Structures are given as C-alpha cells and as structure tokens.
Amino acid sequence: MKLDYVIAFVADMESAVAFYRDSLGLTLRFQSPEWTEFETGSTTLALHASSAGNPGGTVRLGFGVADMAQFAAQLQEHGLGFVDEPRAEHGVLLAEFADRAGTRYSVSAPSR
C-alpha cells in the first residue's frame, strides 16, 4: 500500500486552482470542473469539487494497492470493511473504507 493522493475538497475550483498554482507555485497536471491534479512528487495533490458528503475544506487520503480483493480480505481480518464498495472508474477500481474513528479513506487498485 502506498499513499497516492491527498484529496482536498473545494467549493470553488477556479479559486483553489489559482491558489495552488499561482500562490504556491505547484505545477498543474490536469484541470476539470470536478477534479484537478498537481505535481507534488510521488504523491499527487488532487482537488475535488465539494458536495454535501464532502464539504469544502475537508481532506481525504487516497491509497493505492496492488490487489483490491486482497486488501478487502485484510480489512475483514481486522473487523473492517468498505463503506463504498469497489467500482470501476477511470480505468481503476475505486473504493472507500473507514478507520475505527470513522475517518474515510479512498483506495484504488488496477482493474483486472
């Protein structure tokens, strides 16, 4: 498992992009109204449009795993599970899980 993304939920994508690009000097990789990415080394900073479930100003970590089924089994061994089941999206499998305190995390794996 590795940390692939830090996802910041933003209410105003244009303003957030200007802040990270112009004020902080990060290199813009990709921009859209719902999802934007910046180059930050081995971990990508992603901006995601906020929603009722993910209000602006919140942050989520996004991990990458080699095998989603194996990761699911690991979670189950520790009495945990997915809060959003794996789904194919953008060429990968995406899911969400939570720790015992309720903090949610994203996880992705190659589609097979």
PDB file of N, CA and C in Angstrom:
ATOM      1  N   MET A   1       0.851  -1.167   0.000  1.00  0.00           N
ATOM      2  CA  MET A   1       0.000   0.000   0.000  1.00  0.00           C
ATOM      3  C   MET A   1       0.895   1.227   0.000  1.00  0.00           C
ATOM      4  N   LYS A   2       0.470   2.222  -0.773  1.00  0.00           N
ATOM      5  CA  LYS A   2       1.208   3.480  -0.773  1.00  0.00           C
ATOM      6  C   LYS A   2       0.233   4.644  -0.865  1.00  0.00           C
ATOM      7  N   LEU A   3       0.659   5.772  -0.353  1.00  0.00           N
ATOM      8  CA  LEU A   3      -0.144   6.978  -0.422  1.00  0.00           C
ATOM      9  C   LEU A   3      -0.001   7.567  -1.819  1.00  0.00           C
ATOM     10  N   ASP A   4      -1.086   7.552  -2.595  1.00  0.00           N
ATOM     11  CA  ASP A   4      -1.059   8.071  -3.958  1.00  0.00           C
ATOM     12  C   ASP A   4      -1.567   9.499  -4.059  1.00  0.00           C
ATOM     13  N   TYR A   5      -2.620   9.802  -3.286  1.00  0.00           N
ATOM     14  CA  TYR A   5      -3.290  11.096  -3.408  1.00  0.00           C
ATOM     15  C   TYR A   5      -3.574  11.711  -2.049  1.00  0.00           C
ATOM     16  N   VAL A   6      -3.493  13.018  -1.995  1.00  0.00           N
ATOM     17  CA  VAL A   6      -4.114  13.818  -0.956  1.00  0.00           C
ATOM     18  C   VAL A   6      -5.202  14.585  -1.689  1.00  0.00           C
ATOM     19  N   ILE A   7      -6.450  14.362  -1.296  1.00  0.00           N
ATOM     20  CA  ILE A   7      -7.597  14.932  -1.996  1.00  0.00           C
ATOM     21  C   ILE A   7      -8.193  16.035  -1.126  1.00  0.00           C
ATOM     22  N   ALA A   8      -8.172  17.260  -1.632  1.00  0.00           N
ATOM     23  CA  ALA A   8      -8.765  18.397  -0.935  1.00  0.00           C
ATOM     24  C   ALA A   8     -10.088  18.725  -1.614  1.00  0.00           C
ATOM     25  N   PHE A   9     -11.157  18.768  -0.839  1.00  0.00           N
ATOM     26  CA  PHE A   9     -12.470  19.108  -1.376  1.00  0.00           C
ATOM     27  C   PHE A   9     -12.618  20.625  -1.352  1.00  0.00           C
ATOM     28  N   VAL A  10     -13.002  21.189  -2.496  1.00  0.00           N
ATOM     29  CA  VAL A  10     -13.052  22.649  -2.642  1.00  0.00           C
ATOM     30  C   VAL A  10     -14.415  23.095  -3.159  1.00  0.00           C
ATOM     31  N   ALA A  11     -14.870  24.228  -2.647  1.00  0.00           N
ATOM     32  CA  ALA A  11     -16.154  24.787  -3.071  1.00  0.00           C
ATOM     33  C   ALA A  11     -16.022  25.582  -4.361  1.00  0.00           C
ATOM     34  N   ASP A  12     -14.854  26.148  -4.619  1.00  0.00           N
ATOM     35  CA  ASP A  12     -14.620  26.974  -5.811  1.00  0.00           C
ATOM     36  C   ASP A  12     -13.347  26.484  -6.497  1.00  0.00           C
ATOM     37  N   MET A  13     -13.519  25.665  -7.527  1.00  0.00           N
ATOM     38  CA  MET A  13     -12.369  25.050  -8.194  1.00  0.00           C
ATOM     39  C   MET A  13     -11.427  26.089  -8.786  1.00  0.00           C
ATOM     40  N   GLU A  14     -11.950  27.098  -9.468  1.00  0.00           N
ATOM     41  CA  GLU A  14     -11.093  28.111 -10.099  1.00  0.00           C
ATOM     42  C   GLU A  14     -10.220  28.830  -9.072  1.00  0.00           C
ATOM     43  N   SER A  15     -10.813  29.223  -7.971  1.00  0.00           N
ATOM     44  CA  SER A  15     -10.073  29.914  -6.920  1.00  0.00           C
ATOM     45  C   SER A  15      -9.019  28.995  -6.298  1.00  0.00           C
ATOM     46  N   ALA A  16      -9.391  27.737  -6.069  1.00  0.00           N
ATOM     47  CA  ALA A  16      -8.450  26.781  -5.486  1.00  0.00           C
ATOM     48  C   ALA A  16      -7.282  26.515  -6.434  1.00  0.00           C
ATOM     49  N   VAL A  17      -7.575  26.356  -7.715  1.00  0.00           N
ATOM     50  CA  VAL A  17      -6.502  26.141  -8.699  1.00  0.00           C
ATOM     51  C   VAL A  17      -5.557  27.335  -8.700  1.00  0.00           C
ATOM     52  N   ALA A  18      -6.105  28.542  -8.707  1.00  0.00           N
ATOM     53  CA  ALA A  18      -5.269  29.744  -8.698  1.00  0.00           C
ATOM     54  C   ALA A  18      -4.377  29.772  -7.457  1.00  0.00           C
ATOM     55  N   PHE A  19      -4.913  29.389  -6.302  1.00  0.00           N
ATOM     56  CA  PHE A  19      -4.120  29.380  -5.078  1.00  0.00           C
ATOM     57  C   PHE A  19      -2.936  28.413  -5.183  1.00  0.00           C
ATOM     58  N   TYR A  20      -3.209  27.169  -5.528  1.00  0.00           N
ATOM     59  CA  TYR A  20      -2.140  26.167  -5.569  1.00  0.00           C
ATOM     60  C   TYR A  20      -1.152  26.417  -6.703  1.00  0.00           C
ATOM     61  N   ARG A  21      -1.654  26.871  -7.847  1.00  0.00           N
ATOM     62  CA  ARG A  21      -0.784  27.119  -9.000  1.00  0.00           C
ATOM     63  C   ARG A  21      -0.029  28.432  -8.855  1.00  0.00           C
ATOM     64  N   ASP A  22      -0.759  29.524  -8.601  1.00  0.00           N
ATOM     65  CA  ASP A  22      -0.158  30.853  -8.633  1.00  0.00           C
ATOM     66  C   ASP A  22       0.490  31.252  -7.309  1.00  0.00           C
ATOM     67  N   SER A  23      -0.188  30.988  -6.197  1.00  0.00           N
ATOM     68  CA  SER A  23       0.367  31.394  -4.905  1.00  0.00           C
ATOM     69  C   SER A  23       1.432  30.443  -4.397  1.00  0.00           C
ATOM     70  N   LEU A  24       1.206  29.129  -4.566  1.00  0.00           N
ATOM     71  CA  LEU A  24       2.176  28.144  -4.071  1.00  0.00           C
ATOM     72  C   LEU A  24       3.161  27.676  -5.127  1.00  0.00           C
ATOM     73  N   GLY A  25       2.856  27.927  -6.406  1.00  0.00           N
ATOM     74  CA  GLY A  25       3.776  27.568  -7.485  1.00  0.00           C
ATOM     75  C   GLY A  25       3.783  26.106  -7.870  1.00  0.00           C
ATOM     76  N   LEU A  26       2.718  25.350  -7.517  1.00  0.00           N
ATOM     77  CA  LEU A  26       2.667  23.939  -7.905  1.00  0.00           C
ATOM     78  C   LEU A  26       2.377  23.811  -9.399  1.00  0.00           C
ATOM     79  N   THR A  27       2.918  22.768  -9.995  1.00  0.00           N
ATOM     80  CA  THR A  27       2.723  22.519 -11.422  1.00  0.00           C
ATOM     81  C   THR A  27       1.399  21.810 -11.650  1.00  0.00           C
ATOM     82  N   LEU A  28       0.548  22.421 -12.452  1.00  0.00           N
ATOM     83  CA  LEU A  28      -0.755  21.859 -12.785  1.00  0.00           C
ATOM     84  C   LEU A  28      -0.576  20.707 -13.763  1.00  0.00           C
ATOM     85  N   ARG A  29      -1.121  19.559 -13.430  1.00  0.00           N
ATOM     86  CA  ARG A  29      -1.071  18.383 -14.302  1.00  0.00           C
ATOM     87  C   ARG A  29      -2.317  18.283 -15.167  1.00  0.00           C
ATOM     88  N   PHE A  30      -3.490  18.551 -14.553  1.00  0.00           N
ATOM     89  CA  PHE A  30      -4.776  18.366 -15.228  1.00  0.00           C
ATOM     90  C   PHE A  30      -5.816  19.181 -14.482  1.00  0.00           C
ATOM     91  N   GLN A  31      -6.746  19.788 -15.221  1.00  0.00           N
ATOM     92  CA  GLN A  31      -7.801  20.563 -14.569  1.00  0.00           C
ATOM     93  C   GLN A  31      -9.146  20.292 -15.222  1.00  0.00           C
ATOM     94  N   SER A  32     -10.170  20.097 -14.396  1.00  0.00           N
ATOM     95  CA  SER A  32     -11.549  19.997 -14.863  1.00  0.00           C
ATOM     96  C   SER A  32     -12.436  20.608 -13.776  1.00  0.00           C
ATOM     97  N   PRO A  33     -13.712  20.814 -14.055  1.00  0.00           N
ATOM     98  CA  PRO A  33     -14.593  21.401 -13.038  1.00  0.00           C
ATOM     99  C   PRO A  33     -14.770  20.529 -11.789  1.00  0.00           C
ATOM    100  N   GLU A  34     -14.588  19.214 -11.916  1.00  0.00           N
ATOM    101  CA  GLU A  34     -14.813  18.303 -10.787  1.00  0.00           C
ATOM    102  C   GLU A  34     -13.535  17.757 -10.157  1.00  0.00           C
ATOM    103  N   TRP A  35     -12.437  17.705 -10.924  1.00  0.00           N
ATOM    104  CA  TRP A  35     -11.202  17.046 -10.446  1.00  0.00           C
ATOM    105  C   TRP A  35     -10.003  17.721 -11.087  1.00  0.00           C
ATOM    106  N   THR A  36      -9.023  18.100 -10.273  1.00  0.00           N
ATOM    107  CA  THR A  36      -7.804  18.753 -10.746  1.00  0.00           C
ATOM    108  C   THR A  36      -6.627  18.098 -10.037  1.00  0.00           C
ATOM    109  N   GLU A  37      -5.494  17.962 -10.745  1.00  0.00           N
ATOM    110  CA  GLU A  37      -4.311  17.359 -10.143  1.00  0.00           C
ATOM    111  C   GLU A  37      -3.098  18.261 -10.298  1.00  0.00           C
ATOM    112  N   PHE A  38      -2.249  18.245  -9.258  1.00  0.00           N
ATOM    113  CA  PHE A  38      -0.982  18.968  -9.260  1.00  0.00           C
ATOM    114  C   PHE A  38       0.163  17.993  -9.034  1.00  0.00           C
ATOM    115  N   GLU A  39       1.290  18.283  -9.676  1.00  0.00           N
ATOM    116  CA  GLU A  39       2.519  17.518  -9.473  1.00  0.00           C
ATOM    117  C   GLU A  39       3.093  17.890  -8.115  1.00  0.00           C
ATOM    118  N   THR A  40       3.329  16.891  -7.270  1.00  0.00           N
ATOM    119  CA  THR A  40       3.926  17.157  -5.954  1.00  0.00           C
ATOM    120  C   THR A  40       4.907  16.052  -5.570  1.00  0.00           C
ATOM    121  N   GLY A  41       5.509  15.417  -6.543  1.00  0.00           N
ATOM    122  CA  GLY A  41       6.416  14.316  -6.242  1.00  0.00           C
ATOM    123  C   GLY A  41       5.690  12.997  -6.369  1.00  0.00           C
ATOM    124  N   SER A  42       5.952  12.078  -5.451  1.00  0.00           N
ATOM    125  CA  SER A  42       5.368  10.738  -5.565  1.00  0.00           C
ATOM    126  C   SER A  42       3.898  10.685  -5.154  1.00  0.00           C
ATOM    127  N   THR A  43       3.420  11.703  -4.463  1.00  0.00           N
ATOM    128  CA  THR A  43       2.008  11.781  -4.073  1.00  0.00           C
ATOM    129  C   THR A  43       1.378  12.964  -4.801  1.00  0.00           C
ATOM    130  N   THR A  44       0.210  12.756  -5.388  1.00  0.00           N
ATOM    131  CA  THR A  44      -0.482  13.793  -6.141  1.00  0.00           C
ATOM    132  C   THR A  44      -1.427  14.570  -5.234  1.00  0.00           C
ATOM    133  N   LEU A  45      -1.407  15.890  -5.367  1.00  0.00           N
ATOM    134  CA  LEU A  45      -2.429  16.712  -4.722  1.00  0.00           C
ATOM    135  C   LEU A  45      -3.576  16.821  -5.706  1.00  0.00           C
ATOM    136  N   ALA A  46      -4.755  16.364  -5.295  1.00  0.00           N
ATOM    137  CA  ALA A  46      -5.945  16.427  -6.141  1.00  0.00           C
ATOM    138  C   ALA A  46      -6.980  17.328  -5.480  1.00  0.00           C
ATOM    139  N   LEU A  47      -7.613  18.146  -6.286  1.00  0.00           N
ATOM    140  CA  LEU A  47      -8.730  18.960  -5.824  1.00  0.00           C
ATOM    141  C   LEU A  47      -9.994  18.325  -6.361  1.00  0.00           C
ATOM    142  N   HIS A  48     -10.977  18.162  -5.499  1.00  0.00           N
ATOM    143  CA  HIS A  48     -12.252  17.545  -5.894  1.00  0.00           C
ATOM    144  C   HIS A  48     -13.353  18.528  -5.522  1.00  0.00           C
ATOM    145  N   ALA A  49     -14.318  18.704  -6.404  1.00  0.00           N
ATOM    146  CA  ALA A  49     -15.441  19.584  -6.102  1.00  0.00           C
ATOM    147  C   ALA A  49     -16.143  19.083  -4.846  1.00  0.00           C
ATOM    148  N   SER A  50     -16.473  19.998  -3.966  1.00  0.00           N
ATOM    149  CA  SER A  50     -17.127  19.627  -2.714  1.00  0.00           C
ATOM    150  C   SER A  50     -18.568  19.190  -2.967  1.00  0.00           C
ATOM    151  N   SER A  51     -19.133  18.528  -1.967  1.00  0.00           N
ATOM    152  CA  SER A  51     -20.518  18.054  -2.037  1.00  0.00           C
ATOM    153  C   SER A  51     -21.056  18.004  -0.607  1.00  0.00           C
ATOM    154  N   ALA A  52     -22.310  17.624  -0.459  1.00  0.00           N
ATOM    155  CA  ALA A  52     -22.893  17.523   0.875  1.00  0.00           C
ATOM    156  C   ALA A  52     -22.113  16.529   1.738  1.00  0.00           C
ATOM    157  N   GLY A  53     -21.681  15.422   1.150  1.00  0.00           N
ATOM    158  CA  GLY A  53     -20.945  14.405   1.893  1.00  0.00           C
ATOM    159  C   GLY A  53     -19.476  14.725   2.079  1.00  0.00           C
ATOM    160  N   ASN A  54     -18.962  15.638   1.268  1.00  0.00           N
ATOM    161  CA  ASN A  54     -17.553  16.030   1.313  1.00  0.00           C
ATOM    162  C   ASN A  54     -17.478  17.548   1.218  1.00  0.00           C
ATOM    163  N   PRO A  55     -17.701  18.252   2.327  1.00  0.00           N
ATOM    164  CA  PRO A  55     -17.736  19.715   2.277  1.00  0.00           C
ATOM    165  C   PRO A  55     -16.375  20.331   1.969  1.00  0.00           C
ATOM    166  N   GLY A  56     -16.418  21.526   1.385  1.00  0.00           N
ATOM    167  CA  GLY A  56     -15.191  22.256   1.108  1.00  0.00           C
ATOM    168  C   GLY A  56     -14.370  22.418   2.372  1.00  0.00           C
ATOM    169  N   GLY A  57     -13.055  22.313   2.229  1.00  0.00           N
ATOM    170  CA  GLY A  57     -12.157  22.444   3.363  1.00  0.00           C
ATOM    171  C   GLY A  57     -11.789  21.128   4.017  1.00  0.00           C
ATOM    172  N   THR A  58     -12.412  20.024   3.582  1.00  0.00           N
ATOM    173  CA  THR A  58     -12.042  18.725   4.141  1.00  0.00           C
ATOM    174  C   THR A  58     -11.014  18.056   3.226  1.00  0.00           C
ATOM    175  N   VAL A  59     -10.305  17.100   3.790  1.00  0.00           N
ATOM    176  CA  VAL A  59      -9.227  16.410   3.072  1.00  0.00           C
ATOM    177  C   VAL A  59      -9.388  14.918   3.265  1.00  0.00           C
ATOM    178  N   ARG A  60      -9.056  14.151   2.231  1.00  0.00           N
ATOM    179  CA  ARG A  60      -9.081  12.687   2.314  1.00  0.00           C
ATOM    180  C   ARG A  60      -7.767  12.155   1.725  1.00  0.00           C
ATOM    181  N   LEU A  61      -7.254  11.105   2.337  1.00  0.00           N
ATOM    182  CA  LEU A  61      -6.078  10.427   1.805  1.00  0.00           C
ATOM    183  C   LEU A  61      -6.528   9.348   0.839  1.00  0.00           C
ATOM    184  N   GLY A  62      -5.775   9.172  -0.231  1.00  0.00           N
ATOM    185  CA  GLY A  62      -6.068   8.141  -1.221  1.00  0.00           C
ATOM    186  C   GLY A  62      -4.894   7.191  -1.357  1.00  0.00           C
ATOM    187  N   PHE A  63      -5.128   5.929  -1.019  1.00  0.00           N
ATOM    188  CA  PHE A  63      -4.079   4.915  -1.072  1.00  0.00           C
ATOM    189  C   PHE A  63      -4.199   4.082  -2.336  1.00  0.00           C
ATOM    190  N   GLY A  64      -3.097   3.517  -2.772  1.00  0.00           N
ATOM    191  CA  GLY A  64      -3.074   2.586  -3.889  1.00  0.00           C
ATOM    192  C   GLY A  64      -2.641   1.217  -3.400  1.00  0.00           C
ATOM    193  N   VAL A  65      -3.329   0.186  -3.865  1.00  0.00           N
ATOM    194  CA  VAL A  65      -2.976  -1.194  -3.536  1.00  0.00           C
ATOM    195  C   VAL A  65      -2.854  -1.982  -4.831  1.00  0.00           C
ATOM    196  N   ALA A  66      -2.122  -3.071  -4.784  1.00  0.00           N
ATOM    197  CA  ALA A  66      -1.924  -3.891  -5.979  1.00  0.00           C
ATOM    198  C   ALA A  66      -3.139  -4.753  -6.290  1.00  0.00           C
ATOM    199  N   ASP A  67      -3.881  -5.163  -5.245  1.00  0.00           N
ATOM    200  CA  ASP A  67      -4.985  -6.102  -5.425  1.00  0.00           C
ATOM    201  C   ASP A  67      -6.127  -5.739  -4.481  1.00  0.00           C
ATOM    202  N   MET A  68      -7.259  -5.322  -5.040  1.00  0.00           N
ATOM    203  CA  MET A  68      -8.389  -4.873  -4.219  1.00  0.00           C
ATOM    204  C   MET A  68      -8.979  -6.018  -3.395  1.00  0.00           C
ATOM    205  N   ALA A  69      -9.060  -7.227  -3.976  1.00  0.00           N
ATOM    206  CA  ALA A  69      -9.622  -8.366  -3.237  1.00  0.00           C
ATOM    207  C   ALA A  69      -8.745  -8.711  -2.036  1.00  0.00           C
ATOM    208  N   GLN A  70      -7.459  -8.678  -2.229  1.00  0.00           N
ATOM    209  CA  GLN A  70      -6.539  -8.959  -1.126  1.00  0.00           C
ATOM    210  C   GLN A  70      -6.659  -7.886  -0.044  1.00  0.00           C
ATOM    211  N   PHE A  71      -6.799  -6.638  -0.454  1.00  0.00           N
ATOM    212  CA  PHE A  71      -6.966  -5.557   0.518  1.00  0.00           C
ATOM    213  C   PHE A  71      -8.285  -5.719   1.278  1.00  0.00           C
ATOM    214  N   ALA A  72      -9.344  -6.097   0.580  1.00  0.00           N
ATOM    215  CA  ALA A  72     -10.636  -6.332   1.233  1.00  0.00           C
ATOM    216  C   ALA A  72     -10.509  -7.424   2.294  1.00  0.00           C
ATOM    217  N   ALA A  73      -9.776  -8.483   1.973  1.00  0.00           N
ATOM    218  CA  ALA A  73      -9.571  -9.569   2.934  1.00  0.00           C
ATOM    219  C   ALA A  73      -8.784  -9.079   4.146  1.00  0.00           C
ATOM    220  N   GLN A  74      -7.803  -8.231   3.917  1.00  0.00           N
ATOM    221  CA  GLN A  74      -7.011  -7.665   5.013  1.00  0.00           C
ATOM    222  C   GLN A  74      -7.897  -6.822   5.926  1.00  0.00           C
ATOM    223  N   LEU A  75      -8.754  -5.988   5.338  1.00  0.00           N
ATOM    224  CA  LEU A  75      -9.682  -5.194   6.147  1.00  0.00           C
ATOM    225  C   LEU A  75     -10.573  -6.103   6.987  1.00  0.00           C
ATOM    226  N   GLN A  76     -11.121  -7.134   6.344  1.00  0.00           N
ATOM    227  CA  GLN A  76     -12.036  -8.050   7.020  1.00  0.00           C
ATOM    228  C   GLN A  76     -11.350  -8.748   8.193  1.00  0.00           C
ATOM    229  N   GLU A  77     -10.087  -9.119   8.019  1.00  0.00           N
ATOM    230  CA  GLU A  77      -9.331  -9.760   9.098  1.00  0.00           C
ATOM    231  C   GLU A  77      -9.272  -8.881  10.350  1.00  0.00           C
ATOM    232  N   HIS A  78      -9.382  -7.579  10.142  1.00  0.00           N
ATOM    233  CA  HIS A  78      -9.290  -6.638  11.254  1.00  0.00           C
ATOM    234  C   HIS A  78     -10.648  -6.054  11.627  1.00  0.00           C
ATOM    235  N   GLY A  79     -11.709  -6.717  11.183  1.00  0.00           N
ATOM    236  CA  GLY A  79     -13.053  -6.296  11.536  1.00  0.00           C
ATOM    237  C   GLY A  79     -13.514  -5.031  10.845  1.00  0.00           C
ATOM    238  N   LEU A  80     -12.897  -4.716   9.719  1.00  0.00           N
ATOM    239  CA  LEU A  80     -13.240  -3.523   8.955  1.00  0.00           C
ATOM    240  C   LEU A  80     -13.782  -3.925   7.592  1.00  0.00           C
ATOM    241  N   GLY A  81     -14.301  -2.972   6.871  1.00  0.00           N
ATOM    242  CA  GLY A  81     -14.797  -3.239   5.525  1.00  0.00           C
ATOM    243  C   GLY A  81     -14.927  -1.952   4.752  1.00  0.00           C
ATOM    244  N   PHE A  82     -15.438  -2.063   3.556  1.00  0.00           N
ATOM    245  CA  PHE A  82     -15.633  -0.894   2.707  1.00  0.00           C
ATOM    246  C   PHE A  82     -16.899  -0.154   3.111  1.00  0.00           C
ATOM    247  N   VAL A  83     -16.854   1.160   3.059  1.00  0.00           N
ATOM    248  CA  VAL A  83     -18.064   1.962   3.231  1.00  0.00           C
ATOM    249  C   VAL A  83     -18.642   2.322   1.863  1.00  0.00           C
ATOM    250  N   ASP A  84     -17.834   2.227   0.839  1.00  0.00           N
ATOM    251  CA  ASP A  84     -18.240   2.331  -0.566  1.00  0.00           C
ATOM    252  C   ASP A  84     -17.542   1.185  -1.292  1.00  0.00           C
ATOM    253  N   GLU A  85     -18.311   0.241  -1.771  1.00  0.00           N
ATOM    254  CA  GLU A  85     -17.756  -0.959  -2.403  1.00  0.00           C
ATOM    255  C   GLU A  85     -16.945  -0.602  -3.654  1.00  0.00           C
ATOM    256  N   PRO A  86     -15.961  -1.431  -4.014  1.00  0.00           N
ATOM    257  CA  PRO A  86     -15.159  -1.179  -5.206  1.00  0.00           C
ATOM    258  C   PRO A  86     -16.022  -1.070  -6.456  1.00  0.00           C
ATOM    259  N   ARG A  87     -15.665  -0.096  -7.287  1.00  0.00           N
ATOM    260  CA  ARG A  87     -16.352   0.131  -8.557  1.00  0.00           C
ATOM    261  C   ARG A  87     -15.312   0.532  -9.594  1.00  0.00           C
ATOM    262  N   ALA A  88     -15.565   0.153 -10.823  1.00  0.00           N
ATOM    263  CA  ALA A  88     -14.667   0.529 -11.915  1.00  0.00           C
ATOM    264  C   ALA A  88     -14.914   1.992 -12.271  1.00  0.00           C
ATOM    265  N   GLU A  89     -13.849   2.778 -12.257  1.00  0.00           N
ATOM    266  CA  GLU A  89     -13.959   4.192 -12.590  1.00  0.00           C
ATOM    267  C   GLU A  89     -12.597   4.699 -13.045  1.00  0.00           C
ATOM    268  N   HIS A  90     -12.565   5.396 -14.156  1.00  0.00           N
ATOM    269  CA  HIS A  90     -11.335   5.992 -14.679  1.00  0.00           C
ATOM    270  C   HIS A  90     -10.227   4.952 -14.900  1.00  0.00           C
ATOM    271  N   GLY A  91     -10.607   3.742 -15.268  1.00  0.00           N
ATOM    272  CA  GLY A  91      -9.628   2.705 -15.576  1.00  0.00           C
ATOM    273  C   GLY A  91      -9.041   1.974 -14.385  1.00  0.00           C
ATOM    274  N   VAL A  92      -9.556   2.236 -13.188  1.00  0.00           N
ATOM    275  CA  VAL A  92      -9.097   1.546 -11.983  1.00  0.00           C
ATOM    276  C   VAL A  92     -10.308   1.136 -11.154  1.00  0.00           C
ATOM    277  N   LEU A  93     -10.072   0.337 -10.134  1.00  0.00           N
ATOM    278  CA  LEU A  93     -11.104   0.043  -9.143  1.00  0.00           C
ATOM    279  C   LEU A  93     -10.959   1.066  -8.020  1.00  0.00           C
ATOM    280  N   LEU A  94     -12.057   1.701  -7.632  1.00  0.00           N
ATOM    281  CA  LEU A  94     -12.061   2.679  -6.547  1.00  0.00           C
ATOM    282  C   LEU A  94     -13.007   2.219  -5.450  1.00  0.00           C
ATOM    283  N   ALA A  95     -12.627   2.459  -4.218  1.00  0.00           N
ATOM    284  CA  ALA A  95     -13.476   2.126  -3.070  1.00  0.00           C
ATOM    285  C   ALA A  95     -13.153   3.091  -1.945  1.00  0.00           C
ATOM    286  N   GLU A  96     -13.953   3.030  -0.892  1.00  0.00           N
ATOM    287  CA  GLU A  96     -13.685   3.812   0.304  1.00  0.00           C
ATOM    288  C   GLU A  96     -13.810   2.903   1.518  1.00  0.00           C
ATOM    289  N   PHE A  97     -12.954   3.144   2.492  1.00  0.00           N
ATOM    290  CA  PHE A  97     -13.028   2.433   3.762  1.00  0.00           C
ATOM    291  C   PHE A  97     -12.863   3.461   4.876  1.00  0.00           C
ATOM    292  N   ALA A  98     -13.171   3.061   6.089  1.00  0.00           N
ATOM    293  CA  ALA A  98     -13.056   3.965   7.236  1.00  0.00           C
ATOM    294  C   ALA A  98     -12.284   3.283   8.342  1.00  0.00           C
ATOM    295  N   ASP A  99     -11.593   4.095   9.124  1.00  0.00           N
ATOM    296  CA  ASP A  99     -10.932   3.548  10.300  1.00  0.00           C
ATOM    297  C   ASP A  99     -11.951   3.472  11.442  1.00  0.00           C
ATOM    298  N   ARG A 100     -11.523   3.016  12.581  1.00  0.00           N
ATOM    299  CA  ARG A 100     -12.448   2.822  13.698  1.00  0.00           C
ATOM    300  C   ARG A 100     -13.031   4.136  14.224  1.00  0.00           C
ATOM    301  N   ALA A 101     -12.359   5.245  13.942  1.00  0.00           N
ATOM    302  CA  ALA A 101     -12.869   6.553  14.374  1.00  0.00           C
ATOM    303  C   ALA A 101     -13.848   7.141  13.358  1.00  0.00           C
ATOM    304  N   GLY A 102     -13.993   6.464  12.206  1.00  0.00           N
ATOM    305  CA  GLY A 102     -14.913   6.942  11.186  1.00  0.00           C
ATOM    306  C   GLY A 102     -14.283   7.783  10.091  1.00  0.00           C
ATOM    307  N   THR A 103     -12.977   7.991  10.161  1.00  0.00           N
ATOM    308  CA  THR A 103     -12.295   8.738   9.104  1.00  0.00           C
ATOM    309  C   THR A 103     -12.307   7.907   7.833  1.00  0.00           C
ATOM    310  N   ARG A 104     -12.746   8.532   6.745  1.00  0.00           N
ATOM    311  CA  ARG A 104     -12.855   7.824   5.471  1.00  0.00           C
ATOM    312  C   ARG A 104     -11.594   8.007   4.637  1.00  0.00           C
ATOM    313  N   TYR A 105     -11.244   6.944   3.903  1.00  0.00           N
ATOM    314  CA  TYR A 105     -10.081   6.929   3.025  1.00  0.00           C
ATOM    315  C   TYR A 105     -10.504   6.367   1.678  1.00  0.00           C
ATOM    316  N   SER A 106      -9.853   6.829   0.618  1.00  0.00           N
ATOM    317  CA  SER A 106     -10.059   6.257  -0.705  1.00  0.00           C
ATOM    318  C   SER A 106      -8.961   5.238  -0.964  1.00  0.00           C
ATOM    319  N   VAL A 107      -9.298   4.233  -1.756  1.00  0.00           N
ATOM    320  CA  VAL A 107      -8.304   3.232  -2.144  1.00  0.00           C
ATOM    321  C   VAL A 107      -8.561   2.863  -3.597  1.00  0.00           C
ATOM    322  N   SER A 108      -7.471   2.709  -4.347  1.00  0.00           N
ATOM    323  CA  SER A 108      -7.596   2.310  -5.755  1.00  0.00           C
ATOM    324  C   SER A 108      -6.650   1.151  -6.045  1.00  0.00           C
ATOM    325  N   ALA A 109      -7.027   0.378  -7.046  1.00  0.00           N
ATOM    326  CA  ALA A 109      -6.227  -0.768  -7.488  1.00  0.00           C
ATOM    327  C   ALA A 109      -6.414  -0.901  -8.996  1.00  0.00           C
ATOM    328  N   PRO A 110      -5.465  -1.542  -9.659  1.00  0.00           N
ATOM    329  CA  PRO A 110      -5.633  -1.763 -11.096  1.00  0.00           C
ATOM    330  C   PRO A 110      -6.903  -2.584 -11.372  1.00  0.00           C
ATOM    331  N   SER A 111      -7.594  -2.236 -12.450  1.00  0.00           N
ATOM    332  CA  SER A 111      -8.734  -3.059 -12.890  1.00  0.00           C
ATOM    333  C   SER A 111      -8.199  -4.349 -13.467  1.00  0.00           C
ATOM    334  N   ARG A 112      -8.909  -5.436 -13.211  1.00  0.00           N
ATOM    335  CA  ARG A 112      -8.457  -6.717 -13.746  1.00  0.00           C
ATOM    336  C   ARG A 112      -9.537  -7.325 -14.581  1.00  0.00           C
TER     337      ARG A 112
END
